[in-house]
Amino acid sequence: MGYSGNWWPFYYPQDVSYVHPVLLATGNLDIAKSWIEFWSERVDGLRKYTKRLYGVDGILAPWVFPYGDFEGYHDPTPPNKFYYEIHNSGYFARMACETAIFVNDEAWTRKYVLPLLFGVAEFYGNICTKGEDGHWHLFVTPSMGQDERGGENQRDYLCAMYSALYCFQKAVEFGIDTNGKYGAILKDGLAFESLKSPQGFYYSCAGRGEADFGSQKHPVQLNELAFLPVNEKPSESASIVYKMRYDITRDAKRPYFYGWTLGEFLLAGSRIGDAEQWQVDWNNMEKSKYVDPEWIQIYETSGNLTTPFYNITNGLVTQSLFNNLVTDWYGTLEIAKCNPWKGRVAVRDIYSKLGVIVSGEMEGEKYDVTLTAWKDTAFRLDDEVIEMKKGDVVRRKNRSYP
């Protein structure tokens, strides 16, 4: 947890997942790879831990992870209700799957990634039941959602449904949906529509409804924009709630932000491609005392000047900065999608999971970039499908870049 001192002596799978994409995009693969290996070597302990706490087979990533093994960990129970946040496994899966793309080694993926992915999909599959509406609903006790003000032991936590959706998608993609269960769930659909508000966005869980409006600590409705790539483009509900982010989140209009909320705002803006609103969020960094006047550190919550450095929000902000200029969130390469800066800006050696390293300059929506293939690949940039062999270098310009 970086400079977190004694406040958070263990690390959070959710929180380190906000840093993990920065490691991949900057070429620090060995660090990211070591995390997956560390977790996968403890699959048996994770399974026993999940079975003891939840009574089902599979892997539920604990809220905080032990540095050693799981023997006696949280025995007889974790210290408080927040340790039962059941969305965590989705972030486990994303880190494992995206690392596998960069490692690009089938043997390594079979050894370290597939056991984790199989376990997390199994957990969500075992707490998933088909309702009378024909959709699949999630429920297990004890449980909590990512929005810590959303109540405990609720049905259909939105954050958990996003995680289950991602895990089922990847189980099918990686060929481990052995009996077709996850494919069938995806075909029927998870129960997102049962959470839909009159305004068009989703409630945080089945038990909250309008009570959530303006009271959420974290805007979990932005999950698909910031944390888990489950769609090929921003959904209608995500687009609606992005515009309402200051309305649904407690104290955001002051401006005041709890935990990593403003970091999520920024990253969602990068992915949706709204440079004007991204600038609004960026300006609120200093207005809300989310950073110190010299911009040396980001605080855990606005104005919490005595708390330690909070590297987790740093990860979200860093992702946002380079995703403004280079992003592959929706499976295509997008350059200068959310460029808020005046004049020319440059990037160097940004690694994409599409198989290329991006360097170059942008000005507004115009760009002049060099793409270097780190593996054999084919991907889309604007209206062009680019095919490259490992080591190939190509240059692409748009809009008559000077």
Protein backbone atom coordinates (compact mmCIF):
# COMPACT_ATOMS: atom_id res chain seq x y z
CA MET A 1 0.00 0.00 0.00
CA GLY A 2 2.95 2.34 -0.48
CA TYR A 3 3.24 5.09 2.12
CA SER A 4 0.08 4.07 3.97
CA GLY A 5 1.81 3.34 7.27
CA ASN A 6 -0.26 1.73 10.02
CA TRP A 7 -3.63 2.88 8.70
CA TRP A 8 -3.80 0.04 6.15
CA PRO A 9 -1.18 -2.57 7.13
CA PHE A 10 -2.52 -5.09 4.58
CA TYR A 11 -3.15 -4.49 0.89
CA TYR A 12 -6.58 -4.45 -0.76
CA PRO A 13 -7.11 -6.41 -4.00
CA GLN A 14 -9.60 -3.74 -5.10
CA ASP A 15 -7.25 -0.87 -4.41
CA VAL A 16 -4.11 -2.35 -5.95
CA SER A 17 -6.19 -3.04 -9.05
CA TYR A 18 -6.27 0.73 -9.55
CA VAL A 19 -2.47 0.76 -9.73
CA HIS A 20 -2.06 -2.46 -11.74
CA PRO A 21 -2.98 -0.96 -15.18
CA VAL A 22 -0.32 1.71 -14.66
CA LEU A 23 2.31 -1.01 -14.25
CA LEU A 24 1.22 -2.71 -17.47
CA ALA A 25 0.98 0.50 -19.50
CA THR A 26 4.44 1.65 -18.42
CA GLY A 27 6.16 -1.65 -19.13
CA ASN A 28 6.62 -2.71 -15.50
CA LEU A 29 5.42 -6.21 -16.30
CA ASP A 30 7.62 -8.07 -13.82
CA ILE A 31 5.90 -6.37 -10.87
CA ALA A 32 2.39 -6.98 -12.21
CA LYS A 33 3.29 -10.57 -13.06
CA SER A 34 4.63 -11.24 -9.56
CA TRP A 35 1.32 -10.17 -8.02
CA ILE A 36 -0.62 -12.73 -10.06
CA GLU A 37 1.88 -15.47 -9.24
CA PHE A 38 1.69 -14.63 -5.53
CA TRP A 39 -2.12 -14.87 -5.50
CA SER A 40 -2.30 -17.96 -7.66
CA GLU A 41 0.12 -19.83 -5.44
CA ARG A 42 -2.48 -19.40 -2.68
CA VAL A 43 -5.48 -20.73 -4.61
CA ASP A 44 -6.03 -23.59 -2.17
CA GLY A 45 -6.01 -21.18 0.76
CA LEU A 46 -8.36 -18.82 -1.05
CA ARG A 47 -10.79 -21.65 -1.70
CA LYS A 48 -10.75 -22.79 1.93
CA TYR A 49 -11.19 -19.22 3.11
CA THR A 50 -14.19 -18.73 0.81
CA LYS A 51 -15.77 -22.02 1.84
CA ARG A 52 -15.37 -21.24 5.54
CA LEU A 53 -16.84 -17.74 5.33
CA TYR A 54 -19.49 -18.22 2.65
CA GLY A 55 -20.22 -21.93 2.51
CA VAL A 56 -19.80 -22.14 -1.28
CA ASP A 57 -17.08 -23.37 -3.61
CA GLY A 58 -14.95 -20.93 -5.56
CA ILE A 59 -12.80 -17.91 -4.78
CA LEU A 60 -13.95 -14.69 -3.17
CA ALA A 61 -11.00 -12.34 -2.95
CA PRO A 62 -10.73 -11.10 0.64
CA TRP A 63 -11.07 -7.39 1.28
CA VAL A 64 -7.50 -7.37 2.55
CA PHE A 65 -4.97 -10.01 1.61
CA PRO A 66 -2.55 -11.69 4.04
CA TYR A 67 1.14 -11.48 3.31
CA GLY A 68 1.55 -15.12 4.24
CA ASP A 69 -0.84 -18.04 3.86
CA PHE A 70 -4.50 -18.31 4.85
CA GLU A 71 -4.06 -20.63 7.82
CA GLY A 72 -6.04 -19.04 10.66
CA TYR A 73 -6.66 -15.87 8.66
CA HIS A 74 -9.83 -14.10 9.84
CA ASP A 75 -10.65 -17.01 12.11
CA PRO A 76 -13.35 -17.21 13.34
CA THR A 77 -14.55 -14.13 11.42
CA PRO A 78 -13.18 -10.94 9.83
CA PRO A 79 -13.05 -7.89 12.11
CA ASN A 80 -15.97 -5.93 10.59
CA LYS A 81 -18.72 -5.97 7.95
CA PHE A 82 -16.65 -4.19 5.32
CA TYR A 83 -14.51 -7.31 4.89
CA TYR A 84 -17.44 -8.98 3.09
CA GLU A 85 -17.40 -6.90 -0.10
CA ILE A 86 -18.27 -9.51 -2.71
CA HIS A 87 -17.29 -7.47 -5.77
CA ASN A 88 -13.56 -7.89 -5.13
CA SER A 89 -13.11 -11.02 -7.23
CA GLY A 90 -13.85 -9.13 -10.43
CA TYR A 91 -10.72 -7.03 -9.91
CA PHE A 92 -8.72 -10.17 -9.17
CA ALA A 93 -9.88 -11.58 -12.49
CA ARG A 94 -9.16 -8.42 -14.48
CA MET A 95 -5.61 -8.16 -13.16
CA ALA A 96 -4.97 -11.83 -13.96
CA CYS A 97 -6.49 -11.70 -17.45
CA GLU A 98 -4.79 -8.47 -18.51
CA THR A 99 -1.43 -9.64 -17.20
CA ALA A 100 -1.87 -12.82 -19.26
CA ILE A 101 -2.26 -10.67 -22.38
CA PHE A 102 1.06 -8.93 -21.75
CA VAL A 103 2.96 -12.06 -20.64
CA ASN A 104 1.74 -13.71 -23.87
CA ASP A 105 2.71 -17.21 -22.73
CA GLU A 106 0.11 -20.00 -22.78
CA ALA A 107 1.98 -22.12 -20.22
CA TRP A 108 2.17 -19.22 -17.75
CA THR A 109 -1.52 -18.45 -18.27
CA ARG A 110 -2.51 -22.08 -17.65
CA LYS A 111 -0.44 -22.23 -14.48
CA TYR A 112 -1.22 -18.89 -12.86
CA VAL A 113 -4.26 -17.28 -14.47
CA LEU A 114 -6.74 -20.04 -15.21
CA PRO A 115 -6.94 -21.38 -11.61
CA LEU A 116 -7.78 -17.88 -10.35
CA LEU A 117 -10.24 -17.18 -13.14
CA PHE A 118 -11.94 -20.56 -12.76
CA GLY A 119 -12.30 -19.99 -9.01
CA VAL A 120 -13.78 -16.49 -9.17
CA ALA A 121 -16.25 -17.44 -11.91
CA GLU A 122 -17.23 -20.49 -9.85
CA PHE A 123 -17.92 -18.32 -6.80
CA TYR A 124 -20.21 -15.96 -8.68
CA GLY A 125 -21.88 -18.89 -10.43
CA ASN A 126 -22.63 -20.46 -7.05
CA ILE A 127 -24.32 -17.34 -5.64
CA CYS A 128 -26.25 -16.69 -8.85
CA THR A 129 -29.87 -17.87 -9.26
CA LYS A 130 -32.34 -17.38 -12.09
CA GLY A 131 -35.34 -15.31 -11.10
CA GLU A 132 -38.91 -15.29 -12.32
CA ASP A 133 -37.97 -12.37 -14.57
CA GLY A 134 -35.68 -14.71 -16.51
CA HIS A 135 -32.52 -12.91 -15.38
CA TRP A 136 -29.82 -14.03 -12.97
CA HIS A 137 -29.65 -12.48 -9.50
CA LEU A 138 -26.78 -12.42 -6.97
CA PHE A 139 -27.15 -12.95 -3.25
CA VAL A 140 -25.05 -14.36 -0.43
CA THR A 141 -24.63 -13.58 3.25
CA PRO A 142 -22.69 -12.01 4.76
CA SER A 143 -22.06 -9.43 2.05
CA MET A 144 -21.37 -5.77 1.38
CA GLY A 145 -21.18 -3.59 -1.71
CA GLN A 146 -18.46 -1.27 -2.95
CA ASP A 147 -20.51 1.73 -1.87
CA GLU A 148 -20.01 1.39 1.86
CA ARG A 149 -23.16 3.42 2.62
CA GLY A 150 -25.33 1.06 0.60
CA GLY A 151 -26.16 -1.35 3.42
CA GLU A 152 -25.16 -4.93 4.15
CA ASN A 153 -26.63 -8.26 3.00
CA GLN A 154 -28.47 -6.67 0.08
CA ARG A 155 -29.54 -8.43 -3.09
CA ASP A 156 -28.03 -7.67 -6.47
CA TYR A 157 -25.20 -5.33 -5.57
CA LEU A 158 -24.51 -3.50 -8.81
CA CYS A 159 -20.75 -3.66 -8.29
CA ALA A 160 -20.91 -7.44 -7.76
CA MET A 161 -23.02 -7.90 -10.90
CA TYR A 162 -20.39 -6.05 -12.94
CA SER A 163 -17.73 -8.32 -11.43
CA ALA A 164 -19.76 -11.46 -12.12
CA LEU A 165 -20.41 -10.31 -15.69
CA TYR A 166 -16.70 -9.75 -16.29
CA CYS A 167 -15.72 -13.11 -14.77
CA PHE A 168 -18.32 -15.02 -16.80
CA GLN A 169 -17.25 -13.25 -20.00
CA LYS A 170 -13.60 -14.10 -19.40
CA ALA A 171 -14.36 -17.70 -18.41
CA VAL A 172 -16.02 -18.15 -21.82
CA GLU A 173 -13.23 -16.27 -23.62
CA PHE A 174 -10.46 -18.31 -21.94
CA GLY A 175 -12.23 -21.60 -22.66
CA ILE A 176 -12.97 -22.70 -19.10
CA ASP A 177 -16.77 -22.62 -19.24
CA THR A 178 -16.69 -26.40 -19.31
CA ASN A 179 -20.41 -27.06 -18.88
CA GLY A 180 -21.75 -23.98 -20.62
CA LYS A 181 -23.24 -22.48 -17.45
CA TYR A 182 -21.62 -19.07 -17.76
CA GLY A 183 -22.51 -18.77 -21.42
CA ALA A 184 -26.13 -19.53 -20.52
CA ILE A 185 -26.12 -16.87 -17.80
CA LEU A 186 -24.69 -14.33 -20.23
CA LYS A 187 -27.38 -15.21 -22.77
CA ASP A 188 -30.20 -14.79 -20.24
CA GLY A 189 -28.55 -11.73 -18.73
CA LEU A 190 -27.75 -10.65 -15.20
CA ALA A 191 -30.46 -8.66 -13.41
CA PHE A 192 -29.21 -5.16 -14.22
CA GLU A 193 -32.59 -4.03 -15.50
CA SER A 194 -34.19 -4.78 -12.13
CA LEU A 195 -32.03 -1.95 -10.71
CA LYS A 196 -32.86 0.60 -13.38
CA SER A 197 -34.06 3.98 -12.12
CA PRO A 198 -36.62 6.23 -13.85
CA GLN A 199 -33.69 8.46 -14.84
CA GLY A 200 -32.06 5.54 -16.68
CA PHE A 201 -29.14 4.69 -14.41
CA TYR A 202 -28.85 1.70 -12.08
CA TYR A 203 -29.33 1.74 -8.31
CA SER A 204 -26.42 0.43 -6.25
CA CYS A 205 -28.40 -2.62 -5.08
CA ALA A 206 -31.94 -3.96 -4.92
CA GLY A 207 -32.57 -2.59 -1.44
CA ARG A 208 -31.66 1.05 -2.00
CA GLY A 209 -33.57 2.69 -4.84
CA GLU A 210 -34.09 6.44 -4.59
CA ALA A 211 -32.56 6.40 -1.10
CA ASP A 212 -29.18 6.30 -2.82
CA PHE A 213 -29.68 9.49 -4.76
CA GLY A 214 -27.17 12.05 -3.47
CA SER A 215 -25.96 9.84 -0.62
CA GLN A 216 -23.45 7.45 -2.18
CA LYS A 217 -19.86 7.50 -0.97
CA HIS A 218 -18.65 5.93 -4.22
CA PRO A 219 -20.37 6.16 -7.64
CA VAL A 220 -20.41 2.42 -8.40
CA GLN A 221 -22.55 3.12 -11.46
CA LEU A 222 -19.36 4.30 -13.21
CA ASN A 223 -17.78 0.86 -12.77
CA GLU A 224 -17.99 -0.10 -16.44
CA LEU A 225 -16.19 3.11 -17.41
CA ALA A 226 -13.45 2.94 -14.80
CA PHE A 227 -12.87 -0.56 -13.44
CA LEU A 228 -14.18 -3.43 -15.59
CA PRO A 229 -14.34 -3.36 -19.42
CA VAL A 230 -17.54 -5.35 -19.97
CA ASN A 231 -18.91 -3.50 -23.02
CA GLU A 232 -17.71 -2.53 -26.49
CA LYS A 233 -18.74 1.10 -25.94
CA PRO A 234 -20.20 3.19 -23.11
CA SER A 235 -23.67 1.90 -22.29
CA GLU A 236 -26.68 4.19 -22.22
CA SER A 237 -26.94 3.88 -18.44
CA ALA A 238 -23.25 4.71 -17.93
CA SER A 239 -23.52 7.74 -20.20
CA ILE A 240 -26.54 8.97 -18.25
CA VAL A 241 -24.99 8.49 -14.83
CA TYR A 242 -21.70 10.09 -15.88
CA LYS A 243 -23.62 13.33 -16.49
CA MET A 244 -25.29 12.89 -13.06
CA ARG A 245 -22.13 11.95 -11.12
CA TYR A 246 -22.24 15.08 -8.96
CA ASP A 247 -25.92 14.52 -8.22
CA ILE A 248 -25.69 10.93 -7.02
CA THR A 249 -22.50 11.26 -4.92
CA ARG A 250 -22.62 12.70 -1.44
CA ASP A 251 -21.13 16.20 -1.01
CA ALA A 252 -19.60 16.19 -4.50
CA LYS A 253 -21.13 19.57 -5.34
CA ARG A 254 -19.43 21.28 -2.35
CA PRO A 255 -16.93 20.04 -3.80
CA TYR A 256 -15.90 17.27 -1.37
CA PHE A 257 -14.95 13.69 -2.21
CA TYR A 258 -14.61 10.52 -0.14
CA GLY A 259 -11.80 8.04 -0.77
CA TRP A 260 -11.01 7.48 -4.43
CA THR A 261 -14.29 8.95 -5.77
CA LEU A 262 -12.76 11.88 -7.65
CA GLY A 263 -10.16 9.56 -9.15
CA GLU A 264 -13.00 7.45 -10.54
CA PHE A 265 -14.69 10.58 -11.93
CA LEU A 266 -11.51 11.48 -13.81
CA LEU A 267 -10.94 8.00 -15.23
CA ALA A 268 -14.58 7.68 -16.30
CA GLY A 269 -14.25 11.00 -18.14
CA SER A 270 -11.16 9.77 -19.97
CA ARG A 271 -12.96 6.64 -21.12
CA ILE A 272 -16.16 8.36 -22.18
CA GLY A 273 -14.16 11.08 -23.94
CA ASP A 274 -15.49 14.27 -22.36
CA ALA A 275 -12.53 16.68 -22.15
CA GLU A 276 -14.64 19.58 -20.91
CA GLN A 277 -16.10 17.67 -17.96
CA TRP A 278 -12.73 16.04 -17.27
CA GLN A 279 -11.35 19.55 -16.77
CA VAL A 280 -14.16 20.29 -14.28
CA ASP A 281 -13.13 17.24 -12.25
CA TRP A 282 -9.43 18.11 -12.50
CA ASN A 283 -10.05 21.65 -11.26
CA ASN A 284 -11.88 20.17 -8.27
CA MET A 285 -8.73 18.35 -7.18
CA GLU A 286 -7.39 21.53 -5.61
CA LYS A 287 -10.75 23.19 -4.85
CA SER A 288 -11.81 20.24 -2.70
CA LYS A 289 -8.41 19.90 -0.99
CA TYR A 290 -8.00 16.48 -2.58
CA VAL A 291 -4.35 17.46 -3.11
CA ASP A 292 -2.00 19.71 -1.20
CA PRO A 293 -1.26 23.19 -2.69
CA GLU A 294 2.07 21.98 -4.12
CA TRP A 295 0.45 18.88 -5.71
CA ILE A 296 2.83 16.57 -3.87
CA GLN A 297 0.27 14.13 -2.54
CA ILE A 298 -3.34 13.06 -3.01
CA TYR A 299 -5.29 12.67 0.21
CA GLU A 300 -7.47 9.71 1.14
CA THR A 301 -10.49 12.05 1.36
CA SER A 302 -10.89 15.78 0.68
CA GLY A 303 -9.29 17.80 3.46
CA ASN A 304 -7.93 14.82 5.41
CA LEU A 305 -4.57 16.49 5.72
CA THR A 306 -3.26 14.19 8.45
CA THR A 307 -3.78 10.92 6.57
CA PRO A 308 -0.87 9.27 4.76
CA PHE A 309 -0.06 9.35 1.07
CA TYR A 310 -2.81 7.53 -0.81
CA ASN A 311 -1.19 5.75 -3.73
CA ILE A 312 -4.46 4.12 -4.73
CA THR A 313 -6.10 7.29 -6.03
CA ASN A 314 -2.72 8.14 -7.56
CA GLY A 315 -3.20 5.02 -9.70
CA LEU A 316 -6.61 6.17 -10.94
CA VAL A 317 -5.35 9.67 -11.68
CA THR A 318 -2.30 8.33 -13.52
CA GLN A 319 -4.49 6.00 -15.59
CA SER A 320 -6.68 8.95 -16.46
CA LEU A 321 -3.76 11.12 -17.57
CA PHE A 322 -2.46 8.66 -20.15
CA ASN A 323 -5.93 7.35 -21.10
CA ASN A 324 -6.81 10.88 -22.16
CA LEU A 325 -4.28 10.42 -24.94
CA VAL A 326 -3.96 6.63 -25.41
CA THR A 327 -6.68 4.16 -24.48
CA ASP A 328 -7.68 0.64 -25.55
CA TRP A 329 -10.54 0.21 -23.05
CA TYR A 330 -13.08 -0.71 -25.72
CA GLY A 331 -10.88 -3.06 -27.72
CA THR A 332 -9.72 -0.51 -30.29
CA LEU A 333 -6.83 1.95 -30.15
CA GLU A 334 -8.08 5.47 -29.49
CA ILE A 335 -5.66 8.40 -29.64
CA ALA A 336 -6.39 11.83 -28.10
CA LYS A 337 -9.91 10.75 -27.18
CA CYS A 338 -10.12 13.11 -24.21
CA ASN A 339 -7.33 15.64 -24.71
CA PRO A 340 -7.97 18.57 -22.32
CA TRP A 341 -4.64 20.35 -22.82
CA LYS A 342 -3.82 23.36 -24.97
CA GLY A 343 -0.99 23.12 -27.48
CA ARG A 344 1.11 20.06 -28.20
CA VAL A 345 1.43 17.23 -25.72
CA ALA A 346 3.54 14.09 -26.00
CA VAL A 347 3.49 10.50 -24.81
CA ARG A 348 6.33 8.01 -24.84
CA ASP A 349 6.29 4.21 -24.60
CA ILE A 350 2.69 3.60 -23.54
CA TYR A 351 2.08 -0.16 -23.74
CA SER A 352 -1.29 -1.26 -25.09
CA LYS A 353 -2.88 -4.67 -24.53
CA LEU A 354 -3.63 -4.59 -28.27
CA GLY A 355 0.04 -5.42 -28.85
CA VAL A 356 1.72 -2.08 -29.58
CA ILE A 357 3.80 0.56 -27.82
CA VAL A 358 2.62 4.08 -28.54
CA SER A 359 4.80 7.20 -28.69
CA GLY A 360 4.11 10.55 -30.32
CA GLU A 361 2.47 13.97 -30.16
CA MET A 362 -1.10 15.25 -30.02
CA GLU A 363 -2.74 18.63 -30.37
CA GLY A 364 -6.46 18.65 -29.69
CA GLU A 365 -7.86 15.66 -31.60
CA LYS A 366 -4.93 15.62 -34.04
CA TYR A 367 -2.09 13.17 -33.57
CA ASP A 368 1.19 11.95 -35.02
CA VAL A 369 2.23 8.65 -33.40
CA THR A 370 4.66 5.80 -33.86
CA LEU A 371 3.40 2.28 -33.12
CA THR A 372 5.86 -0.49 -32.29
CA ALA A 373 4.51 -4.04 -32.12
CA TRP A 374 5.54 -5.99 -29.05
CA LYS A 375 3.76 -9.07 -30.47
CA ASP A 376 2.05 -10.15 -33.70
CA THR A 377 -1.21 -8.23 -33.69
CA ALA A 378 -4.16 -6.79 -35.60
CA PHE A 379 -6.25 -3.94 -34.22
CA ARG A 380 -8.40 -1.01 -35.25
CA LEU A 381 -7.32 2.64 -35.12
CA ASP A 382 -10.04 5.02 -36.30
CA ASP A 383 -11.38 3.47 -39.53
CA GLU A 384 -8.29 1.38 -40.28
CA VAL A 385 -7.41 -2.19 -39.30
CA ILE A 386 -3.66 -2.34 -38.77
CA GLU A 387 -1.84 -5.69 -38.95
CA MET A 388 1.70 -5.88 -37.57
CA LYS A 389 4.34 -8.49 -36.83
CA LYS A 390 6.40 -8.35 -33.64
CA GLY A 391 9.04 -5.65 -34.02
CA ASP A 392 7.26 -3.80 -36.83
CA VAL A 393 7.13 0.00 -36.58
CA VAL A 394 4.48 2.13 -38.30
CA ARG A 395 3.61 5.81 -38.18
CA ARG A 396 0.09 7.19 -38.23
CA LYS A 397 -1.12 10.80 -38.50
CA ASN A 398 -4.62 12.22 -38.63
CA ARG A 399 -6.30 15.54 -39.35
CA SER A 400 -3.24 16.97 -41.15
CA TYR A 401 -1.10 17.09 -38.04
CA PRO A 402 1.61 19.76 -38.62
